[in-house]
């Protein structure tokens, strides 16, 4: 079991990489939000928001983009799971289009 300092260091490393990736997702009208990091198991959970909620390639964005980058940069990351923001109106979400979504910081 790792100590608290090592755990926090690993979580911070994931947060830094997510912040580097966010502008690319935001440029397409969405956002990438870190939901959970488990440094012990190597699991990272993210959520795609905005226009990405209705995007046909959201799974590819998570697996071929986010997971590929995190696992290549952080050898302890084993898997990235993702979800998309639940959106009532998919037509509105799709209409956000490229660069229209303004992310809200949580």
PDB file of N, CA and C in Angstrom:
ATOM      1  N   UNK A   1       0.841  -1.190   0.000  1.00  0.00           N
ATOM      2  CA  UNK A   1       0.000   0.000   0.000  1.00  0.00           C
ATOM      3  C   UNK A   1       0.885   1.252   0.000  1.00  0.00           C
ATOM      4  N   UNK A   2       0.498   2.235  -0.786  1.00  0.00           N
ATOM      5  CA  UNK A   2       1.315   3.445  -0.895  1.00  0.00           C
ATOM      6  C   UNK A   2       0.928   4.466   0.172  1.00  0.00           C
ATOM      7  N   UNK A   3       1.877   5.330   0.485  1.00  0.00           N
ATOM      8  CA  UNK A   3       1.586   6.358   1.485  1.00  0.00           C
ATOM      9  C   UNK A   3       0.828   7.520   0.836  1.00  0.00           C
ATOM     10  N   UNK A   4       0.305   8.405   1.658  1.00  0.00           N
ATOM     11  CA  UNK A   4      -0.546   9.512   1.198  1.00  0.00           C
ATOM     12  C   UNK A   4       0.192  10.448   0.237  1.00  0.00           C
ATOM     13  N   UNK A   5       1.474  10.705   0.492  1.00  0.00           N
ATOM     14  CA  UNK A   5       2.247  11.602  -0.370  1.00  0.00           C
ATOM     15  C   UNK A   5       2.385  11.016  -1.779  1.00  0.00           C
ATOM     16  N   UNK A   6       2.680   9.733  -1.871  1.00  0.00           N
ATOM     17  CA  UNK A   6       2.821   9.087  -3.176  1.00  0.00           C
ATOM     18  C   UNK A   6       1.471   9.059  -3.902  1.00  0.00           C
ATOM     19  N   UNK A   7       0.425   8.775  -3.158  1.00  0.00           N
ATOM     20  CA  UNK A   7      -0.927   8.752  -3.724  1.00  0.00           C
ATOM     21  C   UNK A   7      -1.284  10.131  -4.309  1.00  0.00           C
ATOM     22  N   UNK A   8      -1.056  11.183  -3.542  1.00  0.00           N
ATOM     23  CA  UNK A   8      -1.352  12.546  -3.997  1.00  0.00           C
ATOM     24  C   UNK A   8      -0.502  12.938  -5.201  1.00  0.00           C
ATOM     25  N   UNK A   9       0.742  12.501  -5.218  1.00  0.00           N
ATOM     26  CA  UNK A   9       1.643  12.794  -6.337  1.00  0.00           C
ATOM     27  C   UNK A   9       1.099  12.166  -7.633  1.00  0.00           C
ATOM     28  N   UNK A  10       0.617  10.938  -7.538  1.00  0.00           N
ATOM     29  CA  UNK A  10       0.075  10.259  -8.709  1.00  0.00           C
ATOM     30  C   UNK A  10      -1.220  10.926  -9.184  1.00  0.00           C
ATOM     31  N   UNK A  11      -2.077  11.295  -8.272  1.00  0.00           N
ATOM     32  CA  UNK A  11      -3.320  11.978  -8.631  1.00  0.00           C
ATOM     33  C   UNK A  11      -3.015  13.323  -9.293  1.00  0.00           C
ATOM     34  N   UNK A  12      -2.058  14.056  -8.745  1.00  0.00           N
ATOM     35  CA  UNK A  12      -1.671  15.342  -9.333  1.00  0.00           C
ATOM     36  C   UNK A  12      -1.101  15.170 -10.740  1.00  0.00           C
ATOM     37  N   UNK A  13      -0.365  14.098 -10.976  1.00  0.00           N
ATOM     38  CA  UNK A  13       0.194  13.840 -12.305  1.00  0.00           C
ATOM     39  C   UNK A  13      -0.924  13.626 -13.323  1.00  0.00           C
ATOM     40  N   UNK A  14      -1.966  12.900 -12.927  1.00  0.00           N
ATOM     41  CA  UNK A  14      -3.113  12.696 -13.818  1.00  0.00           C
ATOM     42  C   UNK A  14      -3.815  14.032 -14.074  1.00  0.00           C
ATOM     43  N   UNK A  15      -4.022  14.813 -13.033  1.00  0.00           N
ATOM     44  CA  UNK A  15      -4.683  16.120 -13.185  1.00  0.00           C
ATOM     45  C   UNK A  15      -3.920  17.014 -14.157  1.00  0.00           C
ATOM     46  N   UNK A  16      -2.601  17.020 -14.067  1.00  0.00           N
ATOM     47  CA  UNK A  16      -1.789  17.851 -14.965  1.00  0.00           C
ATOM     48  C   UNK A  16      -1.968  17.418 -16.425  1.00  0.00           C
ATOM     49  N   UNK A  17      -1.959  16.112 -16.667  1.00  0.00           N
ATOM     50  CA  UNK A  17      -2.120  15.622 -18.035  1.00  0.00           C
ATOM     51  C   UNK A  17      -3.525  15.892 -18.570  1.00  0.00           C
ATOM     52  N   UNK A  18      -4.532  15.755 -17.727  1.00  0.00           N
ATOM     53  CA  UNK A  18      -5.906  16.065 -18.152  1.00  0.00           C
ATOM     54  C   UNK A  18      -5.999  17.537 -18.559  1.00  0.00           C
ATOM     55  N   UNK A  19      -5.378  18.419 -17.793  1.00  0.00           N
ATOM     56  CA  UNK A  19      -5.404  19.854 -18.118  1.00  0.00           C
ATOM     57  C   UNK A  19      -4.718  20.137 -19.452  1.00  0.00           C
ATOM     58  N   UNK A  20      -3.722  19.352 -19.796  1.00  0.00           N
ATOM     59  CA  UNK A  20      -3.044  19.515 -21.088  1.00  0.00           C
ATOM     60  C   UNK A  20      -3.958  19.058 -22.230  1.00  0.00           C
ATOM     61  N   UNK A  21      -4.763  18.006 -21.986  1.00  0.00           N
ATOM     62  CA  UNK A  21      -5.651  17.464 -23.020  1.00  0.00           C
ATOM     63  C   UNK A  21      -6.932  18.267 -23.211  1.00  0.00           C
ATOM     64  N   UNK A  22      -7.391  18.943 -22.184  1.00  0.00           N
ATOM     65  CA  UNK A  22      -8.691  19.625 -22.220  1.00  0.00           C
ATOM     66  C   UNK A  22      -8.846  20.603 -23.382  1.00  0.00           C
ATOM     67  N   UNK A  23      -7.859  21.427 -23.708  1.00  0.00           N
ATOM     68  CA  UNK A  23      -8.068  22.383 -24.803  1.00  0.00           C
ATOM     69  C   UNK A  23      -8.419  21.720 -26.140  1.00  0.00           C
ATOM     70  N   UNK A  24      -7.884  20.545 -26.411  1.00  0.00           N
ATOM     71  CA  UNK A  24      -8.210  19.847 -27.658  1.00  0.00           C
ATOM     72  C   UNK A  24      -9.675  19.444 -27.672  1.00  0.00           C
ATOM     73  N   UNK A  25     -10.190  18.971 -26.558  1.00  0.00           N
ATOM     74  CA  UNK A  25     -11.596  18.577 -26.464  1.00  0.00           C
ATOM     75  C   UNK A  25     -12.484  19.824 -26.480  1.00  0.00           C
ATOM     76  N   UNK A  26     -12.066  20.859 -25.783  1.00  0.00           N
ATOM     77  CA  UNK A  26     -12.831  22.101 -25.757  1.00  0.00           C
ATOM     78  C   UNK A  26     -12.913  22.732 -27.141  1.00  0.00           C
ATOM     79  N   UNK A  27     -11.873  22.561 -27.939  1.00  0.00           N
ATOM     80  CA  UNK A  27     -11.862  23.095 -29.295  1.00  0.00           C
ATOM     81  C   UNK A  27     -12.938  22.484 -30.179  1.00  0.00           C
ATOM     82  N   UNK A  28     -13.420  21.309 -29.799  1.00  0.00           N
ATOM     83  CA  UNK A  28     -14.497  20.639 -30.537  1.00  0.00           C
ATOM     84  C   UNK A  28     -15.848  20.847 -29.874  1.00  0.00           C
ATOM     85  N   UNK A  29     -15.924  21.753 -28.908  1.00  0.00           N
ATOM     86  CA  UNK A  29     -17.202  22.074 -28.280  1.00  0.00           C
ATOM     87  C   UNK A  29     -17.528  21.253 -27.055  1.00  0.00           C
ATOM     88  N   UNK A  30     -16.557  20.552 -26.514  1.00  0.00           N
ATOM     89  CA  UNK A  30     -16.804  19.722 -25.333  1.00  0.00           C
ATOM     90  C   UNK A  30     -15.873  20.050 -24.195  1.00  0.00           C
ATOM     91  N   UNK A  31     -15.786  19.127 -23.283  1.00  0.00           N
ATOM     92  CA  UNK A  31     -14.852  19.268 -22.175  1.00  0.00           C
ATOM     93  C   UNK A  31     -14.521  17.887 -21.642  1.00  0.00           C
ATOM     94  N   UNK A  32     -13.384  17.773 -21.011  1.00  0.00           N
ATOM     95  CA  UNK A  32     -12.903  16.546 -20.407  1.00  0.00           C
ATOM     96  C   UNK A  32     -12.739  16.805 -18.920  1.00  0.00           C
ATOM     97  N   UNK A  33     -13.468  16.025 -18.109  1.00  0.00           N
ATOM     98  CA  UNK A  33     -13.459  16.233 -16.663  1.00  0.00           C
ATOM     99  C   UNK A  33     -12.992  14.963 -15.971  1.00  0.00           C
ATOM    100  N   UNK A  34     -12.033  15.121 -15.092  1.00  0.00           N
ATOM    101  CA  UNK A  34     -11.538  13.997 -14.297  1.00  0.00           C
ATOM    102  C   UNK A  34     -12.543  13.686 -13.198  1.00  0.00           C
ATOM    103  N   UNK A  35     -12.989  12.437 -13.135  1.00  0.00           N
ATOM    104  CA  UNK A  35     -13.966  12.032 -12.128  1.00  0.00           C
ATOM    105  C   UNK A  35     -13.330  11.319 -10.944  1.00  0.00           C
ATOM    106  N   UNK A  36     -12.363  10.422 -11.212  1.00  0.00           N
ATOM    107  CA  UNK A  36     -11.806   9.605 -10.132  1.00  0.00           C
ATOM    108  C   UNK A  36     -10.456   9.031 -10.557  1.00  0.00           C
ATOM    109  N   UNK A  37      -9.551   8.934  -9.604  1.00  0.00           N
ATOM    110  CA  UNK A  37      -8.256   8.294  -9.828  1.00  0.00           C
ATOM    111  C   UNK A  37      -8.024   7.315  -8.683  1.00  0.00           C
ATOM    112  N   UNK A  38      -7.692   6.073  -9.027  1.00  0.00           N
ATOM    113  CA  UNK A  38      -7.318   5.069  -8.030  1.00  0.00           C
ATOM    114  C   UNK A  38      -5.886   4.644  -8.318  1.00  0.00           C
ATOM    115  N   UNK A  39      -4.914   5.294  -7.667  1.00  0.00           N
ATOM    116  CA  UNK A  39      -3.513   4.995  -7.923  1.00  0.00           C
ATOM    117  C   UNK A  39      -3.137   3.545  -7.593  1.00  0.00           C
ATOM    118  N   UNK A  40      -3.855   2.922  -6.694  1.00  0.00           N
ATOM    119  CA  UNK A  40      -3.548   1.539  -6.301  1.00  0.00           C
ATOM    120  C   UNK A  40      -3.857   0.556  -7.427  1.00  0.00           C
ATOM    121  N   UNK A  41      -5.018   0.723  -8.073  1.00  0.00           N
ATOM    122  CA  UNK A  41      -5.406  -0.203  -9.135  1.00  0.00           C
ATOM    123  C   UNK A  41      -4.980   0.282 -10.521  1.00  0.00           C
ATOM    124  N   UNK A  42      -4.662   1.568 -10.638  1.00  0.00           N
ATOM    125  CA  UNK A  42      -4.295   2.134 -11.931  1.00  0.00           C
ATOM    126  C   UNK A  42      -5.488   2.548 -12.766  1.00  0.00           C
ATOM    127  N   UNK A  43      -6.644   2.706 -12.135  1.00  0.00           N
ATOM    128  CA  UNK A  43      -7.866   3.090 -12.834  1.00  0.00           C
ATOM    129  C   UNK A  43      -8.086   4.599 -12.769  1.00  0.00           C
ATOM    130  N   UNK A  44      -8.397   5.183 -13.930  1.00  0.00           N
ATOM    131  CA  UNK A  44      -8.741   6.600 -14.030  1.00  0.00           C
ATOM    132  C   UNK A  44     -10.112   6.669 -14.695  1.00  0.00           C
ATOM    133  N   UNK A  45     -11.000   7.497 -14.141  1.00  0.00           N
ATOM    134  CA  UNK A  45     -12.327   7.687 -14.713  1.00  0.00           C
ATOM    135  C   UNK A  45     -12.499   9.145 -15.118  1.00  0.00           C
ATOM    136  N   UNK A  46     -12.999   9.338 -16.343  1.00  0.00           N
ATOM    137  CA  UNK A  46     -13.214  10.682 -16.888  1.00  0.00           C
ATOM    138  C   UNK A  46     -14.630  10.794 -17.434  1.00  0.00           C
ATOM    139  N   UNK A  47     -15.040  12.034 -17.672  1.00  0.00           N
ATOM    140  CA  UNK A  47     -16.337  12.291 -18.291  1.00  0.00           C
ATOM    141  C   UNK A  47     -16.155  13.281 -19.424  1.00  0.00           C
ATOM    142  N   UNK A  48     -16.777  12.982 -20.564  1.00  0.00           N
ATOM    143  CA  UNK A  48     -16.819  13.922 -21.676  1.00  0.00           C
ATOM    144  C   UNK A  48     -18.116  14.701 -21.573  1.00  0.00           C
ATOM    145  N   UNK A  49     -18.033  16.018 -21.760  1.00  0.00           N
ATOM    146  CA  UNK A  49     -19.193  16.887 -21.608  1.00  0.00           C
ATOM    147  C   UNK A  49     -19.400  17.731 -22.859  1.00  0.00           C
ATOM    148  N   UNK A  50     -20.503  18.468 -22.867  1.00  0.00           N
ATOM    149  CA  UNK A  50     -20.802  19.389 -23.955  1.00  0.00           C
ATOM    150  C   UNK A  50     -21.102  18.652 -25.248  1.00  0.00           C
ATOM    151  N   UNK A  51     -20.575  19.142 -26.365  1.00  0.00           N
ATOM    152  CA  UNK A  51     -20.822  18.523 -27.660  1.00  0.00           C
ATOM    153  C   UNK A  51     -20.324  17.086 -27.689  1.00  0.00           C
ATOM    154  N   UNK A  52     -19.376  16.762 -26.843  1.00  0.00           N
ATOM    155  CA  UNK A  52     -18.848  15.390 -26.790  1.00  0.00           C
ATOM    156  C   UNK A  52     -19.890  14.407 -26.276  1.00  0.00           C
ATOM    157  N   UNK A  53     -20.937  14.897 -25.631  1.00  0.00           N
ATOM    158  CA  UNK A  53     -21.997  14.031 -25.126  1.00  0.00           C
ATOM    159  C   UNK A  53     -22.745  13.342 -26.253  1.00  0.00           C
ATOM    160  N   UNK A  54     -22.813  13.980 -27.404  1.00  0.00           N
ATOM    161  CA  UNK A  54     -23.545  13.405 -28.529  1.00  0.00           C
ATOM    162  C   UNK A  54     -22.615  12.960 -29.648  1.00  0.00           C
ATOM    163  N   UNK A  55     -21.332  13.003 -29.418  1.00  0.00           N
ATOM    164  CA  UNK A  55     -20.360  12.667 -30.450  1.00  0.00           C
ATOM    165  C   UNK A  55     -20.289  11.155 -30.667  1.00  0.00           C
ATOM    166  N   UNK A  56     -20.294  10.750 -31.921  1.00  0.00           N
ATOM    167  CA  UNK A  56     -20.258   9.328 -32.261  1.00  0.00           C
ATOM    168  C   UNK A  56     -18.921   8.683 -31.916  1.00  0.00           C
ATOM    169  N   UNK A  57     -17.869   9.469 -31.783  1.00  0.00           N
ATOM    170  CA  UNK A  57     -16.561   8.882 -31.498  1.00  0.00           C
ATOM    171  C   UNK A  57     -16.091   9.140 -30.064  1.00  0.00           C
ATOM    172  N   UNK A  58     -17.024   9.382 -29.162  1.00  0.00           N
ATOM    173  CA  UNK A  58     -16.626   9.667 -27.777  1.00  0.00           C
ATOM    174  C   UNK A  58     -15.862   8.499 -27.155  1.00  0.00           C
ATOM    175  N   UNK A  59     -16.248   7.271 -27.461  1.00  0.00           N
ATOM    176  CA  UNK A  59     -15.530   6.105 -26.933  1.00  0.00           C
ATOM    177  C   UNK A  59     -14.105   6.077 -27.456  1.00  0.00           C
ATOM    178  N   UNK A  60     -13.932   6.408 -28.734  1.00  0.00           N
ATOM    179  CA  UNK A  60     -12.591   6.453 -29.312  1.00  0.00           C
ATOM    180  C   UNK A  60     -11.756   7.555 -28.686  1.00  0.00           C
ATOM    181  N   UNK A  61     -12.385   8.687 -28.407  1.00  0.00           N
ATOM    182  CA  UNK A  61     -11.670   9.785 -27.757  1.00  0.00           C
ATOM    183  C   UNK A  61     -11.112   9.320 -26.416  1.00  0.00           C
ATOM    184  N   UNK A  62     -11.915   8.581 -25.670  1.00  0.00           N
ATOM    185  CA  UNK A  62     -11.471   8.107 -24.360  1.00  0.00           C
ATOM    186  C   UNK A  62     -10.397   7.034 -24.498  1.00  0.00           C
ATOM    187  N   UNK A  63     -10.645   6.023 -25.311  1.00  0.00           N
ATOM    188  CA  UNK A  63      -9.720   4.894 -25.408  1.00  0.00           C
ATOM    189  C   UNK A  63      -8.470   5.207 -26.224  1.00  0.00           C
ATOM    190  N   UNK A  64      -8.654   5.803 -27.398  1.00  0.00           N
ATOM    191  CA  UNK A  64      -7.516   6.035 -28.282  1.00  0.00           C
ATOM    192  C   UNK A  64      -6.810   7.356 -28.009  1.00  0.00           C
ATOM    193  N   UNK A  65      -7.457   8.226 -27.265  1.00  0.00           N
ATOM    194  CA  UNK A  65      -6.849   9.507 -26.925  1.00  0.00           C
ATOM    195  C   UNK A  65      -6.414   9.553 -25.483  1.00  0.00           C
ATOM    196  N   UNK A  66      -7.371   9.689 -24.594  1.00  0.00           N
ATOM    197  CA  UNK A  66      -7.076   9.882 -23.167  1.00  0.00           C
ATOM    198  C   UNK A  66      -6.314   8.684 -22.586  1.00  0.00           C
ATOM    199  N   UNK A  67      -6.827   7.478 -22.808  1.00  0.00           N
ATOM    200  CA  UNK A  67      -6.155   6.300 -22.239  1.00  0.00           C
ATOM    201  C   UNK A  67      -4.758   6.117 -22.817  1.00  0.00           C
ATOM    202  N   UNK A  68      -4.628   6.284 -24.120  1.00  0.00           N
ATOM    203  CA  UNK A  68      -3.307   6.119 -24.754  1.00  0.00           C
ATOM    204  C   UNK A  68      -2.286   7.085 -24.169  1.00  0.00           C
ATOM    205  N   UNK A  69      -2.695   8.329 -23.990  1.00  0.00           N
ATOM    206  CA  UNK A  69      -1.769   9.329 -23.450  1.00  0.00           C
ATOM    207  C   UNK A  69      -1.428   9.030 -21.990  1.00  0.00           C
ATOM    208  N   UNK A  70      -2.453   8.774 -21.174  1.00  0.00           N
ATOM    209  CA  UNK A  70      -2.187   8.534 -19.753  1.00  0.00           C
ATOM    210  C   UNK A  70      -1.335   7.290 -19.529  1.00  0.00           C
ATOM    211  N   UNK A  71      -1.630   6.196 -20.248  1.00  0.00           N
ATOM    212  CA  UNK A  71      -0.849   4.967 -20.033  1.00  0.00           C
ATOM    213  C   UNK A  71       0.568   5.083 -20.580  1.00  0.00           C
ATOM    214  N   UNK A  72       0.759   5.918 -21.587  1.00  0.00           N
ATOM    215  CA  UNK A  72       2.120   6.079 -22.117  1.00  0.00           C
ATOM    216  C   UNK A  72       2.969   7.004 -21.243  1.00  0.00           C
ATOM    217  N   UNK A  73       2.336   7.954 -20.579  1.00  0.00           N
ATOM    218  CA  UNK A  73       3.077   8.912 -19.748  1.00  0.00           C
ATOM    219  C   UNK A  73       3.216   8.470 -18.293  1.00  0.00           C
ATOM    220  N   UNK A  74       2.239   7.696 -17.815  1.00  0.00           N
ATOM    221  CA  UNK A  74       2.237   7.260 -16.411  1.00  0.00           C
ATOM    222  C   UNK A  74       2.144   5.738 -16.388  1.00  0.00           C
ATOM    223  N   UNK A  75       3.268   5.084 -16.143  1.00  0.00           N
ATOM    224  CA  UNK A  75       3.302   3.625 -16.255  1.00  0.00           C
ATOM    225  C   UNK A  75       2.395   2.891 -15.271  1.00  0.00           C
ATOM    226  N   UNK A  76       1.944   3.553 -14.244  1.00  0.00           N
ATOM    227  CA  UNK A  76       1.063   2.916 -13.267  1.00  0.00           C
ATOM    228  C   UNK A  76      -0.411   2.951 -13.672  1.00  0.00           C
ATOM    229  N   UNK A  77      -0.762   3.792 -14.664  1.00  0.00           N
ATOM    230  CA  UNK A  77      -2.145   3.837 -15.142  1.00  0.00           C
ATOM    231  C   UNK A  77      -2.368   2.621 -16.039  1.00  0.00           C
ATOM    232  N   UNK A  78      -3.367   1.817 -15.683  1.00  0.00           N
ATOM    233  CA  UNK A  78      -3.658   0.579 -16.405  1.00  0.00           C
ATOM    234  C   UNK A  78      -4.904   0.673 -17.275  1.00  0.00           C
ATOM    235  N   UNK A  79      -5.858   1.509 -16.871  1.00  0.00           N
ATOM    236  CA  UNK A  79      -7.116   1.592 -17.610  1.00  0.00           C
ATOM    237  C   UNK A  79      -7.759   2.956 -17.396  1.00  0.00           C
ATOM    238  N   UNK A  80      -8.390   3.440 -18.459  1.00  0.00           N
ATOM    239  CA  UNK A  80      -9.200   4.671 -18.371  1.00  0.00           C
ATOM    240  C   UNK A  80     -10.616   4.295 -18.761  1.00  0.00           C
ATOM    241  N   UNK A  81     -11.539   4.596 -17.883  1.00  0.00           N
ATOM    242  CA  UNK A  81     -12.961   4.393 -18.166  1.00  0.00           C
ATOM    243  C   UNK A  81     -13.595   5.757 -18.323  1.00  0.00           C
ATOM    244  N   UNK A  82     -14.522   5.822 -19.239  1.00  0.00           N
ATOM    245  CA  UNK A  82     -15.156   7.100 -19.466  1.00  0.00           C
ATOM    246  C   UNK A  82     -16.647   7.000 -19.604  1.00  0.00           C
ATOM    247  N   UNK A  83     -17.258   8.113 -19.396  1.00  0.00           N
ATOM    248  CA  UNK A  83     -18.685   8.241 -19.591  1.00  0.00           C
ATOM    249  C   UNK A  83     -18.927   9.573 -20.249  1.00  0.00           C
ATOM    250  N   UNK A  84     -20.121   9.736 -20.774  1.00  0.00           N
ATOM    251  CA  UNK A  84     -20.494  11.019 -21.344  1.00  0.00           C
ATOM    252  C   UNK A  84     -21.551  11.631 -20.459  1.00  0.00           C
ATOM    253  N   UNK A  85     -21.543  12.938 -20.417  1.00  0.00           N
ATOM    254  CA  UNK A  85     -22.505  13.687 -19.626  1.00  0.00           C
ATOM    255  C   UNK A  85     -23.919  13.332 -20.090  1.00  0.00           C
ATOM    256  N   UNK A  86     -24.798  13.088 -19.151  1.00  0.00           N
ATOM    257  CA  UNK A  86     -26.190  12.818 -19.495  1.00  0.00           C
ATOM    258  C   UNK A  86     -26.828  14.113 -19.971  1.00  0.00           C
ATOM    259  N   UNK A  87     -27.326  14.089 -21.180  1.00  0.00           N
ATOM    260  CA  UNK A  87     -27.894  15.285 -21.789  1.00  0.00           C
ATOM    261  C   UNK A  87     -29.341  15.004 -22.169  1.00  0.00           C
ATOM    262  N   UNK A  88     -30.224  15.877 -21.757  1.00  0.00           N
ATOM    263  CA  UNK A  88     -31.642  15.732 -22.080  1.00  0.00           C
ATOM    264  C   UNK A  88     -31.888  15.956 -23.570  1.00  0.00           C
ATOM    265  N   UNK A  89     -31.241  16.958 -24.129  1.00  0.00           N
ATOM    266  CA  UNK A  89     -31.502  17.357 -25.504  1.00  0.00           C
ATOM    267  C   UNK A  89     -30.252  17.138 -26.350  1.00  0.00           C
ATOM    268  N   UNK A  90     -30.184  15.983 -27.033  1.00  0.00           N
ATOM    269  CA  UNK A  90     -29.011  15.671 -27.841  1.00  0.00           C
ATOM    270  C   UNK A  90     -28.865  16.635 -29.018  1.00  0.00           C
ATOM    271  N   UNK A  91     -29.969  17.130 -29.557  1.00  0.00           N
ATOM    272  CA  UNK A  91     -29.886  18.090 -30.659  1.00  0.00           C
ATOM    273  C   UNK A  91     -29.193  19.372 -30.197  1.00  0.00           C
ATOM    274  N   UNK A  92     -29.521  19.833 -28.988  1.00  0.00           N
ATOM    275  CA  UNK A  92     -28.857  21.024 -28.449  1.00  0.00           C
ATOM    276  C   UNK A  92     -27.377  20.746 -28.234  1.00  0.00           C
ATOM    277  N   UNK A  93     -27.072  19.587 -27.676  1.00  0.00           N
ATOM    278  CA  UNK A  93     -25.677  19.226 -27.445  1.00  0.00           C
ATOM    279  C   UNK A  93     -24.895  19.222 -28.754  1.00  0.00           C
ATOM    280  N   UNK A  94     -25.462  18.613 -29.775  1.00  0.00           N
ATOM    281  CA  UNK A  94     -24.791  18.556 -31.076  1.00  0.00           C
ATOM    282  C   UNK A  94     -24.647  19.950 -31.671  1.00  0.00           C
ATOM    283  N   UNK A  95     -25.622  20.829 -31.413  1.00  0.00           N
ATOM    284  CA  UNK A  95     -25.583  22.171 -31.980  1.00  0.00           C
ATOM    285  C   UNK A  95     -24.473  23.031 -31.382  1.00  0.00           C
ATOM    286  N   UNK A  96     -23.935  22.614 -30.243  1.00  0.00           N
ATOM    287  CA  UNK A  96     -22.842  23.377 -29.637  1.00  0.00           C
ATOM    288  C   UNK A  96     -21.656  23.416 -30.575  1.00  0.00           C
ATOM    289  N   UNK A  97     -21.474  22.320 -31.306  1.00  0.00           N
ATOM    290  CA  UNK A  97     -20.478  22.260 -32.369  1.00  0.00           C
ATOM    291  C   UNK A  97     -19.087  22.672 -31.960  1.00  0.00           C
ATOM    292  N   UNK A  98     -18.286  22.971 -32.935  1.00  0.00           N
ATOM    293  CA  UNK A  98     -16.885  23.286 -32.724  1.00  0.00           C
ATOM    294  C   UNK A  98     -16.704  24.629 -32.029  1.00  0.00           C
ATOM    295  N   UNK A  99     -16.117  24.574 -30.852  1.00  0.00           N
ATOM    296  CA  UNK A  99     -15.721  25.775 -30.147  1.00  0.00           C
ATOM    297  C   UNK A  99     -16.823  26.553 -29.456  1.00  0.00           C
ATOM    298  N   UNK A 100     -18.039  26.024 -29.442  1.00  0.00           N
ATOM    299  CA  UNK A 100     -19.144  26.779 -28.860  1.00  0.00           C
ATOM    300  C   UNK A 100     -19.345  26.531 -27.378  1.00  0.00           C
ATOM    301  N   UNK A 101     -18.887  25.414 -26.893  1.00  0.00           N
ATOM    302  CA  UNK A 101     -19.123  25.040 -25.505  1.00  0.00           C
ATOM    303  C   UNK A 101     -18.176  25.785 -24.579  1.00  0.00           C
ATOM    304  N   UNK A 102     -18.715  26.422 -23.579  1.00  0.00           N
ATOM    305  CA  UNK A 102     -17.885  27.109 -22.584  1.00  0.00           C
ATOM    306  C   UNK A 102     -17.955  26.285 -21.304  1.00  0.00           C
ATOM    307  N   UNK A 103     -16.868  25.615 -20.954  1.00  0.00           N
ATOM    308  CA  UNK A 103     -16.903  24.719 -19.802  1.00  0.00           C
ATOM    309  C   UNK A 103     -17.095  25.460 -18.481  1.00  0.00           C
ATOM    310  N   UNK A 104     -17.797  24.833 -17.593  1.00  0.00           N
ATOM    311  CA  UNK A 104     -18.022  25.369 -16.265  1.00  0.00           C
ATOM    312  C   UNK A 104     -17.096  24.627 -15.312  1.00  0.00           C
ATOM    313  N   UNK A 105     -16.295  25.334 -14.580  1.00  0.00           N
ATOM    314  CA  UNK A 105     -15.401  24.716 -13.596  1.00  0.00           C
ATOM    315  C   UNK A 105     -16.202  24.244 -12.409  1.00  0.00           C
ATOM    316  N   UNK A 106     -15.914  23.026 -11.967  1.00  0.00           N
ATOM    317  CA  UNK A 106     -16.619  22.491 -10.793  1.00  0.00           C
ATOM    318  C   UNK A 106     -15.731  22.552  -9.592  1.00  0.00           C
TER     319      UNK A 106
END
